[in-house]
Amino acid sequence: MSGQARVVARFGAELILRTESGELLRAVSRRNLVKHGPAHLRAAVCGDYVRFEPGDGDKAVAVALQPRRNVLVRPDHRGRPHAGAANIDQVLIVIAPLPTPDWGIIDRYLTAVAALPATPLLIVNKSDLLEASDARLIADTEALYGGLGYPVLRTSAKNGEGIETLRERLRGHTSLLVGQSGVGKSSLTRALDPGLEVRVGELSALSGEGRHTTTVAHLYALSSGGDLIDSPGVRDFAPYQPTADDLAAGFPEIAECAHDCRFHDCRHRAEPGCAVKAAAEAGRIPPSRLRSFLELEGNSA
């Protein structure tokens, strides 16, 4: 058996593939599916399409990597570039009343999404748990990012708020689910597709890695249509060495103001005549956004 398949998960040199007929296969991968380019982009990752051929025993062999539309690259624990998922249409950034939303993490996600590029969707999950103490921060978060043009959706796995809207949004697309640990990603996926637990169990049994593997991204076919990539929960996130164009795309309101700075190479820190600082002081640019921009600019390529 040979043909094209999509990478559902990767465990070292081993892959779980989904064929065009929907069958799941175990496979081994050739060392470098792409001969040229950075080392971290030569191996197949979750969401990739590969060509495969029969191998020895019960495993197929991935022999070639198909061209990618995009690939999400982030630093690993040593600061080296690491490819995590590919061929992504949209990224669902999940926040919740607890843990408290961190605007810096949201901004880093949005910059990474802009660099792909892909379409972002900010999801305020566990909306049924909102109390007076949470409501102001959540409302401020929705107002901030909604005001910048980012779509925002409230969801609740408990009472069903927003679930059907989100299900329709996912249909026909490959969506990446990201967010801090504890924001309710698992309950959200179960609400979207109650039968997903069975397929998660099948995948875990096939991989031999166990049901509680939390360090590997998995791609799941939703019964309502579309593919969902569930990434490990993270406490922090940053795109890998964002370029000036990435920052401009991730912070369009800052990029627009920067055209009016006195110096074309203004870094918006201590330079005189900085239109960005003036806009922040006047309340036209939220201080949290400028802080996030300056932090990422310091890590840029």
Protein backbone atom coordinates (compact mmCIF):
# COMPACT_ATOMS: atom_id res chain seq x y z
CA MET A 1 0.00 0.00 0.00
CA SER A 2 1.34 3.44 -0.95
CA GLY A 3 -0.01 6.92 -1.49
CA GLN A 4 -0.44 10.25 0.29
CA ALA A 5 -1.34 10.59 3.96
CA ARG A 6 -1.53 13.24 6.64
CA VAL A 7 0.59 13.16 9.78
CA VAL A 8 -1.66 12.74 12.81
CA ALA A 9 1.15 12.62 15.38
CA ARG A 10 4.90 12.25 15.55
CA PHE A 11 6.83 10.34 18.22
CA GLY A 12 10.53 10.77 17.44
CA ALA A 13 11.18 9.03 14.13
CA GLU A 14 7.79 7.28 14.20
CA LEU A 15 4.63 8.74 12.72
CA ILE A 16 0.93 8.01 12.85
CA LEU A 17 -0.53 8.66 9.40
CA ARG A 18 -4.11 9.04 8.19
CA THR A 19 -4.60 7.88 4.64
CA GLU A 20 -6.97 9.49 2.18
CA SER A 21 -9.49 6.74 2.99
CA GLY A 22 -9.29 7.57 6.71
CA GLU A 23 -7.21 4.57 7.79
CA LEU A 24 -4.60 5.10 10.51
CA LEU A 25 -1.13 3.67 9.88
CA ARG A 26 2.05 3.42 11.86
CA ALA A 27 5.07 4.55 9.89
CA VAL A 28 8.74 5.28 10.19
CA SER A 29 10.22 8.33 8.55
CA ARG A 30 13.34 8.68 6.52
CA ARG A 31 15.89 10.80 8.36
CA ASN A 32 15.48 13.96 6.27
CA LEU A 33 12.36 14.10 4.13
CA VAL A 34 13.65 17.41 2.76
CA LYS A 35 17.32 17.58 1.79
CA HIS A 36 17.77 21.34 1.90
CA GLY A 37 16.80 24.08 4.32
CA PRO A 38 17.02 24.45 8.11
CA ALA A 39 17.32 21.21 10.05
CA HIS A 40 14.16 21.85 12.08
CA LEU A 41 12.07 21.99 8.87
CA ARG A 42 13.29 18.75 7.31
CA ALA A 43 11.20 16.32 9.35
CA ALA A 44 7.44 15.78 9.13
CA VAL A 45 5.28 17.24 11.90
CA CYS A 46 1.64 17.07 12.87
CA GLY A 47 -0.52 18.34 10.00
CA ASP A 48 2.01 17.62 7.25
CA TYR A 49 1.20 15.62 4.14
CA VAL A 50 3.66 12.90 3.13
CA ARG A 51 4.12 10.25 0.49
CA PHE A 52 4.45 6.77 1.95
CA GLU A 53 5.41 3.31 0.72
CA PRO A 54 5.16 -0.19 2.20
CA GLY A 55 7.86 -1.04 4.73
CA ASP A 56 9.04 -4.08 6.59
CA GLY A 57 6.54 -5.63 8.96
CA ASP A 58 3.43 -3.66 9.86
CA LYS A 59 4.90 -0.16 9.41
CA ALA A 60 4.83 2.02 6.33
CA VAL A 61 7.72 4.31 5.37
CA ALA A 62 7.30 8.07 4.86
CA VAL A 63 9.50 8.85 1.86
CA ALA A 64 8.73 12.46 0.90
CA LEU A 65 7.29 15.60 2.45
CA GLN A 66 4.67 17.42 0.40
CA PRO A 67 4.91 21.23 0.06
CA ARG A 68 3.60 23.07 3.13
CA ARG A 69 1.26 26.05 3.20
CA ASN A 70 2.82 27.10 6.49
CA VAL A 71 4.53 25.73 9.59
CA LEU A 72 4.43 26.92 13.19
CA VAL A 73 7.94 27.39 14.57
CA ARG A 74 8.60 28.20 18.22
CA PRO A 75 11.65 27.99 20.50
CA ASP A 76 12.25 24.74 22.36
CA HIS A 77 13.38 24.65 26.00
CA ARG A 78 16.93 25.45 24.86
CA GLY A 79 15.89 28.37 22.68
CA ARG A 80 16.38 26.45 19.42
CA PRO A 81 13.75 26.57 16.64
CA HIS A 82 11.22 23.74 16.78
CA ALA A 83 8.53 23.01 14.19
CA GLY A 84 5.31 21.99 15.92
CA ALA A 85 2.48 21.82 13.36
CA ALA A 86 1.92 22.52 9.68
CA ASN A 87 -0.76 23.43 7.13
CA ILE A 88 -2.86 25.42 9.60
CA ASP A 89 -5.85 27.51 8.47
CA GLN A 90 -6.83 29.06 11.79
CA VAL A 91 -5.61 29.20 15.38
CA LEU A 92 -8.02 29.08 18.31
CA ILE A 93 -6.50 30.95 21.25
CA VAL A 94 -8.35 29.80 24.36
CA ILE A 95 -8.48 31.83 27.56
CA ALA A 96 -10.68 31.45 30.64
CA PRO A 97 -11.44 33.21 33.95
CA LEU A 98 -8.84 30.91 35.52
CA PRO A 99 -5.95 30.88 34.98
CA THR A 100 -6.11 34.66 34.71
CA PRO A 101 -5.66 35.76 31.09
CA ASP A 102 -2.17 37.07 30.36
CA TRP A 103 -2.20 39.73 27.64
CA GLY A 104 1.48 39.15 26.95
CA ILE A 105 0.87 35.49 26.09
CA ILE A 106 -2.12 36.42 23.92
CA ASP A 107 0.02 38.95 22.03
CA ARG A 108 2.75 36.37 21.47
CA TYR A 109 0.21 33.91 20.11
CA LEU A 110 -1.25 36.55 17.78
CA THR A 111 2.21 37.44 16.45
CA ALA A 112 2.96 33.78 15.77
CA VAL A 113 -0.40 33.42 14.01
CA ALA A 114 0.31 36.47 11.85
CA ALA A 115 3.68 35.00 10.90
CA LEU A 116 2.16 31.73 9.64
CA PRO A 117 -0.08 33.33 8.33
CA ALA A 118 -3.39 31.97 9.61
CA THR A 119 -6.68 33.34 10.91
CA PRO A 120 -6.90 33.86 14.68
CA LEU A 121 -9.95 33.37 16.89
CA LEU A 122 -9.87 34.35 20.55
CA ILE A 123 -12.11 32.03 22.59
CA VAL A 124 -13.27 33.02 26.07
CA ASN A 125 -14.02 29.59 27.51
CA LYS A 126 -15.81 28.64 30.75
CA SER A 127 -18.10 31.63 30.32
CA ASP A 128 -20.50 30.02 32.82
CA LEU A 129 -17.89 30.53 35.57
CA LEU A 130 -17.62 34.28 35.16
CA GLU A 131 -18.07 36.09 38.45
CA ALA A 132 -17.97 39.76 39.28
CA SER A 133 -14.25 39.56 40.09
CA ASP A 134 -13.51 38.06 36.66
CA ALA A 135 -16.00 39.94 34.56
CA ARG A 136 -14.04 43.20 34.31
CA LEU A 137 -10.81 41.59 33.13
CA ILE A 138 -12.64 39.37 30.64
CA ALA A 139 -14.65 42.34 29.37
CA ASP A 140 -11.44 44.38 29.04
CA THR A 141 -9.79 41.53 27.14
CA GLU A 142 -12.73 41.23 24.76
CA ALA A 143 -12.86 45.01 24.27
CA LEU A 144 -9.10 45.27 23.68
CA TYR A 145 -8.79 42.54 21.05
CA GLY A 146 -12.23 42.98 19.55
CA GLY A 147 -11.40 46.67 19.13
CA LEU A 148 -8.25 45.69 17.22
CA GLY A 149 -10.34 43.65 14.81
CA TYR A 150 -9.74 40.17 16.21
CA PRO A 151 -12.83 37.94 16.39
CA VAL A 152 -13.81 36.93 19.94
CA LEU A 153 -16.21 34.12 20.88
CA ARG A 154 -17.51 33.10 24.32
CA THR A 155 -17.96 29.37 24.90
CA SER A 156 -19.04 27.04 27.67
CA ALA A 157 -18.84 23.26 27.58
CA LYS A 158 -21.27 23.22 30.53
CA ASN A 159 -24.19 25.18 29.10
CA GLY A 160 -23.33 24.94 25.40
CA GLU A 161 -22.83 28.66 24.78
CA GLY A 162 -21.00 29.26 21.49
CA ILE A 163 -20.37 25.56 20.77
CA GLU A 164 -22.45 25.34 17.59
CA THR A 165 -20.97 28.61 16.31
CA LEU A 166 -17.48 27.26 16.93
CA ARG A 167 -18.34 23.91 15.32
CA GLU A 168 -19.41 25.72 12.15
CA ARG A 169 -16.26 27.80 12.26
CA LEU A 170 -14.11 24.64 12.27
CA ARG A 171 -15.93 22.88 9.43
CA GLY A 172 -13.71 22.43 6.37
CA HIS A 173 -10.58 23.85 8.02
CA THR A 174 -7.49 22.71 9.87
CA SER A 175 -7.54 24.48 13.22
CA LEU A 176 -4.85 24.60 15.89
CA LEU A 177 -6.04 24.74 19.50
CA VAL A 178 -3.69 26.58 21.85
CA GLY A 179 -3.88 27.99 25.35
CA GLN A 180 -2.45 27.80 28.83
CA SER A 181 -2.98 24.63 30.86
CA GLY A 182 -6.28 24.76 32.72
CA VAL A 183 -8.30 26.86 30.25
CA GLY A 184 -10.55 23.91 29.41
CA LYS A 185 -9.29 22.82 26.00
CA SER A 186 -10.14 19.17 26.66
CA SER A 187 -13.70 19.92 27.80
CA LEU A 188 -14.10 22.21 24.80
CA THR A 189 -13.07 19.48 22.35
CA ARG A 190 -15.39 16.98 24.02
CA ALA A 191 -18.28 19.44 23.69
CA LEU A 192 -17.43 19.97 20.01
CA ASP A 193 -17.30 16.25 19.27
CA PRO A 194 -18.47 13.81 21.96
CA GLY A 195 -17.18 10.87 19.91
CA LEU A 196 -13.65 12.22 19.90
CA GLU A 197 -12.73 10.33 23.08
CA VAL A 198 -13.06 7.04 21.23
CA ARG A 199 -10.72 8.21 18.47
CA VAL A 200 -8.26 9.56 21.03
CA GLY A 201 -8.18 6.10 22.61
CA GLU A 202 -7.67 4.43 19.22
CA LEU A 203 -4.78 6.76 18.42
CA SER A 204 -3.16 6.21 21.81
CA ALA A 205 -3.43 2.42 21.44
CA LEU A 206 -1.94 2.57 17.95
CA SER A 207 0.96 4.77 19.00
CA GLY A 208 1.72 2.83 22.17
CA GLU A 209 2.42 6.14 23.92
CA GLY A 210 -0.52 6.03 26.33
CA ARG A 211 -3.59 8.23 26.71
CA HIS A 212 -1.92 10.90 28.78
CA THR A 213 0.87 11.94 26.42
CA THR A 214 0.99 15.71 26.86
CA THR A 215 4.12 16.68 24.96
CA VAL A 216 3.01 15.83 21.42
CA ALA A 217 0.53 17.59 19.14
CA HIS A 218 -2.27 15.39 17.75
CA LEU A 219 -4.55 15.92 14.76
CA TYR A 220 -8.14 14.70 15.07
CA ALA A 221 -10.82 14.51 12.39
CA LEU A 222 -14.01 16.11 13.70
CA SER A 223 -17.23 14.26 12.93
CA SER A 224 -18.83 17.60 11.97
CA GLY A 225 -16.03 18.31 9.47
CA GLY A 226 -12.54 19.73 9.67
CA ASP A 227 -9.36 18.74 11.47
CA LEU A 228 -8.40 19.91 14.94
CA ILE A 229 -4.79 19.96 16.13
CA ASP A 230 -4.57 19.84 19.91
CA SER A 231 -1.25 21.20 21.14
CA PRO A 232 0.23 20.64 24.61
CA GLY A 233 -0.82 23.20 27.22
CA VAL A 234 1.81 25.88 27.71
CA ARG A 235 2.59 28.32 30.48
CA ASP A 236 4.39 30.63 28.11
CA PHE A 237 4.80 31.03 24.39
CA ALA A 238 6.85 33.09 21.97
CA PRO A 239 7.32 33.00 18.20
CA TYR A 240 10.86 32.16 17.14
CA GLN A 241 12.83 35.31 16.27
CA PRO A 242 9.98 37.34 14.76
CA THR A 243 10.94 39.57 11.84
CA ALA A 244 9.98 43.23 11.46
CA ASP A 245 7.21 42.13 9.09
CA ASP A 246 5.93 39.61 11.68
CA LEU A 247 5.79 42.33 14.33
CA ALA A 248 4.02 44.72 11.98
CA ALA A 249 1.42 42.05 11.22
CA GLY A 250 1.04 41.11 14.89
CA PHE A 251 0.75 44.72 16.06
CA PRO A 252 -0.96 46.61 13.21
CA GLU A 253 -1.93 49.57 15.40
CA ILE A 254 1.71 50.11 16.37
CA ALA A 255 2.92 49.67 12.79
CA GLU A 256 0.45 52.32 11.64
CA CYS A 257 1.62 54.85 14.24
CA ALA A 258 5.29 54.10 13.51
CA HIS A 259 4.97 55.77 10.10
CA ASP A 260 4.74 59.11 11.94
CA CYS A 261 7.89 58.65 14.05
CA ARG A 262 10.64 61.23 13.49
CA PHE A 263 13.21 58.54 12.68
CA HIS A 264 12.47 55.72 10.25
CA ASP A 265 14.45 53.27 12.42
CA CYS A 266 12.77 54.34 15.67
CA ARG A 267 12.55 51.47 18.18
CA HIS A 268 9.91 53.25 20.27
CA ARG A 269 11.95 53.29 23.46
CA ALA A 270 13.84 56.52 24.21
CA GLU A 271 13.98 58.15 20.77
CA PRO A 272 12.69 61.74 20.45
CA GLY A 273 9.68 62.31 18.25
CA CYS A 274 8.33 58.79 18.71
CA ALA A 275 4.71 58.72 17.54
CA VAL A 276 4.16 55.28 19.09
CA LYS A 277 5.11 56.44 22.58
CA ALA A 278 2.97 59.53 22.14
CA ALA A 279 -0.01 57.38 21.11
CA ALA A 280 0.50 55.11 24.14
CA GLU A 281 0.67 58.09 26.48
CA ALA A 282 -2.53 59.47 24.93
CA GLY A 283 -4.32 56.14 25.43
CA ARG A 284 -4.61 55.26 21.74
CA ILE A 285 -2.29 52.25 22.11
CA PRO A 286 -2.87 50.04 25.18
CA PRO A 287 0.23 49.91 27.41
CA SER A 288 0.08 46.11 27.48
CA ARG A 289 0.35 45.97 23.69
CA LEU A 290 3.38 48.26 23.62
CA ARG A 291 5.08 46.20 26.36
CA SER A 292 4.49 43.01 24.39
CA PHE A 293 5.79 44.61 21.19
CA LEU A 294 8.99 45.85 22.82
CA GLU A 295 9.60 42.47 24.44
CA LEU A 296 9.21 40.64 21.14
CA GLU A 297 11.26 43.25 19.28
CA GLY A 298 14.12 42.49 21.64
CA ASN A 299 13.95 38.83 20.56
CA SER A 300 13.53 39.55 16.85
CA ALA A 301 15.75 38.23 14.09
